[in-house]
């Protein structure tokens, strides 16, 4: 249900959320840890930085880190930054129209419930909830 770009963004942010306060991680180390191609990750990080989710610092001791506390960032904010259509709101069986109560496809009600559940999860879950706290193998600065 989530695009690859959103999955990559969430994976990168989960690693950044697990860093100790004030710590940064180099882009190349983040790409390696998250298994995201470096050029693809750079575009995602640029978007996240422009939206105020992360900071980037150049030079010695530089790297990427969250700009806000992980418990303040809901996953729905990240998803909405990269996704054009709300989850579960597109029709499962017909690519050319949106389902409606008046003109519903056979999967309409069940698909709507899936989308509503996903939306609730994304609105209630923060980066702190999905932070990666294991031994990351990242060269911390």
C-alpha atoms as a PDB file:
ATOM      1  CA  UNK A   1       0.000   0.000   0.000  1.00  0.00           C
ATOM      2  CA  UNK A   2       2.951   2.337   0.488  1.00  0.00           C
ATOM      3  CA  UNK A   3       5.225   3.330  -2.363  1.00  0.00           C
ATOM      4  CA  UNK A   4       8.875   2.296  -2.359  1.00  0.00           C
ATOM      5  CA  UNK A   5       9.814   5.948  -1.847  1.00  0.00           C
ATOM      6  CA  UNK A   6       7.697   6.169   1.312  1.00  0.00           C
ATOM      7  CA  UNK A   7       9.130   2.888   2.601  1.00  0.00           C
ATOM      8  CA  UNK A   8      12.663   4.186   2.013  1.00  0.00           C
ATOM      9  CA  UNK A   9      11.876   7.502   3.698  1.00  0.00           C
ATOM     10  CA  UNK A  10      10.406   5.747   6.725  1.00  0.00           C
ATOM     11  CA  UNK A  11      13.378   3.365   6.928  1.00  0.00           C
ATOM     12  CA  UNK A  12      15.877   6.245   6.819  1.00  0.00           C
ATOM     13  CA  UNK A  13      13.923   8.242   9.383  1.00  0.00           C
ATOM     14  CA  UNK A  14      13.627   5.205  11.681  1.00  0.00           C
ATOM     15  CA  UNK A  15      17.431   5.003  11.745  1.00  0.00           C
ATOM     16  CA  UNK A  16      17.766   8.756  12.363  1.00  0.00           C
ATOM     17  CA  UNK A  17      15.159   8.514  15.137  1.00  0.00           C
ATOM     18  CA  UNK A  18      17.289   5.870  16.854  1.00  0.00           C
ATOM     19  CA  UNK A  19      20.386   8.057  17.032  1.00  0.00           C
ATOM     20  CA  UNK A  20      21.296   9.572  20.399  1.00  0.00           C
ATOM     21  CA  UNK A  21      20.406  13.266  20.748  1.00  0.00           C
ATOM     22  CA  UNK A  22      22.779  15.513  18.835  1.00  0.00           C
ATOM     23  CA  UNK A  23      24.296  12.665  16.804  1.00  0.00           C
ATOM     24  CA  UNK A  24      24.546  12.817  13.022  1.00  0.00           C
ATOM     25  CA  UNK A  25      25.060  10.152  10.402  1.00  0.00           C
ATOM     26  CA  UNK A  26      26.780  10.558   7.052  1.00  0.00           C
ATOM     27  CA  UNK A  27      24.640  10.038   3.980  1.00  0.00           C
ATOM     28  CA  UNK A  28      26.793   7.186   2.685  1.00  0.00           C
ATOM     29  CA  UNK A  29      26.521   5.382   6.039  1.00  0.00           C
ATOM     30  CA  UNK A  30      22.766   5.896   6.125  1.00  0.00           C
ATOM     31  CA  UNK A  31      22.463   4.537   2.580  1.00  0.00           C
ATOM     32  CA  UNK A  32      24.496   1.476   3.508  1.00  0.00           C
ATOM     33  CA  UNK A  33      22.585   0.821   6.741  1.00  0.00           C
ATOM     34  CA  UNK A  34      19.177   1.195   5.112  1.00  0.00           C
ATOM     35  CA  UNK A  35      20.136  -0.525   1.847  1.00  0.00           C
ATOM     36  CA  UNK A  36      18.818   2.414  -0.153  1.00  0.00           C
ATOM     37  CA  UNK A  37      20.732   3.417  -3.312  1.00  0.00           C
ATOM     38  CA  UNK A  38      22.708   6.571  -2.405  1.00  0.00           C
ATOM     39  CA  UNK A  39      21.321   8.718  -5.244  1.00  0.00           C
ATOM     40  CA  UNK A  40      17.746   7.688  -4.426  1.00  0.00           C
ATOM     41  CA  UNK A  41      18.334   8.370  -0.727  1.00  0.00           C
ATOM     42  CA  UNK A  42      19.815  11.798  -1.518  1.00  0.00           C
ATOM     43  CA  UNK A  43      16.580  12.823  -3.279  1.00  0.00           C
ATOM     44  CA  UNK A  44      14.486  11.562  -0.372  1.00  0.00           C
ATOM     45  CA  UNK A  45      16.680  13.380   2.158  1.00  0.00           C
ATOM     46  CA  UNK A  46      16.476  16.583   0.101  1.00  0.00           C
ATOM     47  CA  UNK A  47      12.670  16.391   0.208  1.00  0.00           C
ATOM     48  CA  UNK A  48      12.661  15.629   3.942  1.00  0.00           C
ATOM     49  CA  UNK A  49      15.039  18.528   4.587  1.00  0.00           C
ATOM     50  CA  UNK A  50      12.939  20.941   2.557  1.00  0.00           C
ATOM     51  CA  UNK A  51       9.890  19.933   4.590  1.00  0.00           C
ATOM     52  CA  UNK A  52      11.705  20.553   7.893  1.00  0.00           C
ATOM     53  CA  UNK A  53      12.005  16.956   9.066  1.00  0.00           C
ATOM     54  CA  UNK A  54      15.809  16.698   8.982  1.00  0.00           C
ATOM     55  CA  UNK A  55      18.896  18.884   9.169  1.00  0.00           C
ATOM     56  CA  UNK A  56      22.020  18.423   7.102  1.00  0.00           C
ATOM     57  CA  UNK A  57      25.350  19.707   8.338  1.00  0.00           C
ATOM     58  CA  UNK A  58      28.410  19.863   6.105  1.00  0.00           C
ATOM     59  CA  UNK A  59      32.015  19.364   7.059  1.00  0.00           C
ATOM     60  CA  UNK A  60      33.766  17.549   9.854  1.00  0.00           C
ATOM     61  CA  UNK A  61      31.221  16.249  12.327  1.00  0.00           C
ATOM     62  CA  UNK A  62      28.434  16.767   9.825  1.00  0.00           C
ATOM     63  CA  UNK A  63      25.734  14.529   8.528  1.00  0.00           C
ATOM     64  CA  UNK A  64      21.991  14.096   8.860  1.00  0.00           C
ATOM     65  CA  UNK A  65      19.779  14.179  11.932  1.00  0.00           C
ATOM     66  CA  UNK A  66      16.159  14.803  12.784  1.00  0.00           C
ATOM     67  CA  UNK A  67      15.163  18.430  13.146  1.00  0.00           C
ATOM     68  CA  UNK A  68      12.259  17.594  15.466  1.00  0.00           C
ATOM     69  CA  UNK A  69      11.921  15.065  18.269  1.00  0.00           C
ATOM     70  CA  UNK A  70      10.886  11.630  16.913  1.00  0.00           C
ATOM     71  CA  UNK A  71       7.838  11.501  19.197  1.00  0.00           C
ATOM     72  CA  UNK A  72       6.561  14.686  17.510  1.00  0.00           C
ATOM     73  CA  UNK A  73       6.638  13.284  13.961  1.00  0.00           C
ATOM     74  CA  UNK A  74       3.675  11.151  12.949  1.00  0.00           C
ATOM     75  CA  UNK A  75       4.144   8.691  10.094  1.00  0.00           C
ATOM     76  CA  UNK A  76       1.147  10.247   8.337  1.00  0.00           C
ATOM     77  CA  UNK A  77       3.172  13.456   7.902  1.00  0.00           C
ATOM     78  CA  UNK A  78       5.887  11.557   6.056  1.00  0.00           C
ATOM     79  CA  UNK A  79       3.471   9.586   3.898  1.00  0.00           C
ATOM     80  CA  UNK A  80       1.574  12.718   2.881  1.00  0.00           C
ATOM     81  CA  UNK A  81       4.837  14.323   1.791  1.00  0.00           C
ATOM     82  CA  UNK A  82       5.443  11.607  -0.814  1.00  0.00           C
ATOM     83  CA  UNK A  83       1.994  10.184  -1.653  1.00  0.00           C
ATOM     84  CA  UNK A  84      -0.480  12.025  -3.879  1.00  0.00           C
ATOM     85  CA  UNK A  85      -3.595  10.060  -2.943  1.00  0.00           C
ATOM     86  CA  UNK A  86      -4.784   9.196   0.549  1.00  0.00           C
ATOM     87  CA  UNK A  87      -4.292   5.541   1.391  1.00  0.00           C
ATOM     88  CA  UNK A  88      -7.141   3.240   0.567  1.00  0.00           C
ATOM     89  CA  UNK A  89      -9.040   5.981  -1.236  1.00  0.00           C
ATOM     90  CA  UNK A  90      -8.371   4.766  -4.739  1.00  0.00           C
ATOM     91  CA  UNK A  91     -10.564   2.064  -6.141  1.00  0.00           C
ATOM     92  CA  UNK A  92      -9.142  -1.445  -5.908  1.00  0.00           C
ATOM     93  CA  UNK A  93     -10.823  -2.792  -9.049  1.00  0.00           C
ATOM     94  CA  UNK A  94     -11.289   0.224 -11.312  1.00  0.00           C
ATOM     95  CA  UNK A  95      -8.263   2.380 -12.156  1.00  0.00           C
ATOM     96  CA  UNK A  96     -10.317   5.092 -13.870  1.00  0.00           C
ATOM     97  CA  UNK A  97     -12.689   6.236 -11.130  1.00  0.00           C
ATOM     98  CA  UNK A  98     -12.982   6.624  -7.407  1.00  0.00           C
ATOM     99  CA  UNK A  99     -15.452   4.306  -5.726  1.00  0.00           C
ATOM    100  CA  UNK A 100     -18.361   5.947  -4.002  1.00  0.00           C
ATOM    101  CA  UNK A 101     -21.275   4.693  -1.971  1.00  0.00           C
ATOM    102  CA  UNK A 102     -23.536   5.374  -4.963  1.00  0.00           C
ATOM    103  CA  UNK A 103     -21.312   3.599  -7.496  1.00  0.00           C
ATOM    104  CA  UNK A 104     -19.193   1.090  -5.552  1.00  0.00           C
ATOM    105  CA  UNK A 105     -17.095  -1.777  -6.864  1.00  0.00           C
ATOM    106  CA  UNK A 106     -17.422  -5.229  -5.286  1.00  0.00           C
ATOM    107  CA  UNK A 107     -14.438  -4.587  -2.991  1.00  0.00           C
ATOM    108  CA  UNK A 108     -15.416  -1.043  -1.964  1.00  0.00           C
ATOM    109  CA  UNK A 109     -16.409  -1.527   1.683  1.00  0.00           C
ATOM    110  CA  UNK A 110     -13.642  -3.985   2.547  1.00  0.00           C
ATOM    111  CA  UNK A 111     -11.004  -1.884   0.763  1.00  0.00           C
ATOM    112  CA  UNK A 112     -12.235   1.253   2.511  1.00  0.00           C
ATOM    113  CA  UNK A 113     -11.836  -0.505   5.877  1.00  0.00           C
ATOM    114  CA  UNK A 114      -8.252  -1.426   5.012  1.00  0.00           C
ATOM    115  CA  UNK A 115      -7.496   2.165   4.064  1.00  0.00           C
ATOM    116  CA  UNK A 116      -9.146   3.498   7.215  1.00  0.00           C
ATOM    117  CA  UNK A 117      -7.081   1.117   9.355  1.00  0.00           C
ATOM    118  CA  UNK A 118      -3.860   2.124   7.631  1.00  0.00           C
ATOM    119  CA  UNK A 119      -4.719   5.798   8.014  1.00  0.00           C
ATOM    120  CA  UNK A 120      -5.386   5.349  11.751  1.00  0.00           C
ATOM    121  CA  UNK A 121      -2.072   3.524  12.174  1.00  0.00           C
ATOM    122  CA  UNK A 122      -0.128   6.252  10.356  1.00  0.00           C
ATOM    123  CA  UNK A 123      -1.833   9.045  12.294  1.00  0.00           C
ATOM    124  CA  UNK A 124      -1.233   7.385  15.680  1.00  0.00           C
ATOM    125  CA  UNK A 125       2.306   6.084  15.129  1.00  0.00           C
ATOM    126  CA  UNK A 126       5.365   8.301  15.532  1.00  0.00           C
ATOM    127  CA  UNK A 127       8.972   7.927  14.468  1.00  0.00           C
ATOM    128  CA  UNK A 128       9.794   7.201  18.111  1.00  0.00           C
ATOM    129  CA  UNK A 129       7.562   4.123  17.860  1.00  0.00           C
ATOM    130  CA  UNK A 130       9.507   2.714  14.900  1.00  0.00           C
ATOM    131  CA  UNK A 131      13.003   3.974  15.775  1.00  0.00           C
ATOM    132  CA  UNK A 132      15.860   1.557  15.118  1.00  0.00           C
ATOM    133  CA  UNK A 133      17.890   1.286  18.337  1.00  0.00           C
ATOM    134  CA  UNK A 134      20.006  -1.776  17.596  1.00  0.00           C
ATOM    135  CA  UNK A 135      23.739  -1.743  16.924  1.00  0.00           C
ATOM    136  CA  UNK A 136      23.560   0.027  13.619  1.00  0.00           C
ATOM    137  CA  UNK A 137      27.080  -0.325  12.353  1.00  0.00           C
ATOM    138  CA  UNK A 138      26.951   3.372  11.505  1.00  0.00           C
ATOM    139  CA  UNK A 139      29.997   5.484  12.163  1.00  0.00           C
ATOM    140  CA  UNK A 140      28.540   7.877  14.671  1.00  0.00           C
ATOM    141  CA  UNK A 141      30.099  11.273  14.994  1.00  0.00           C
END
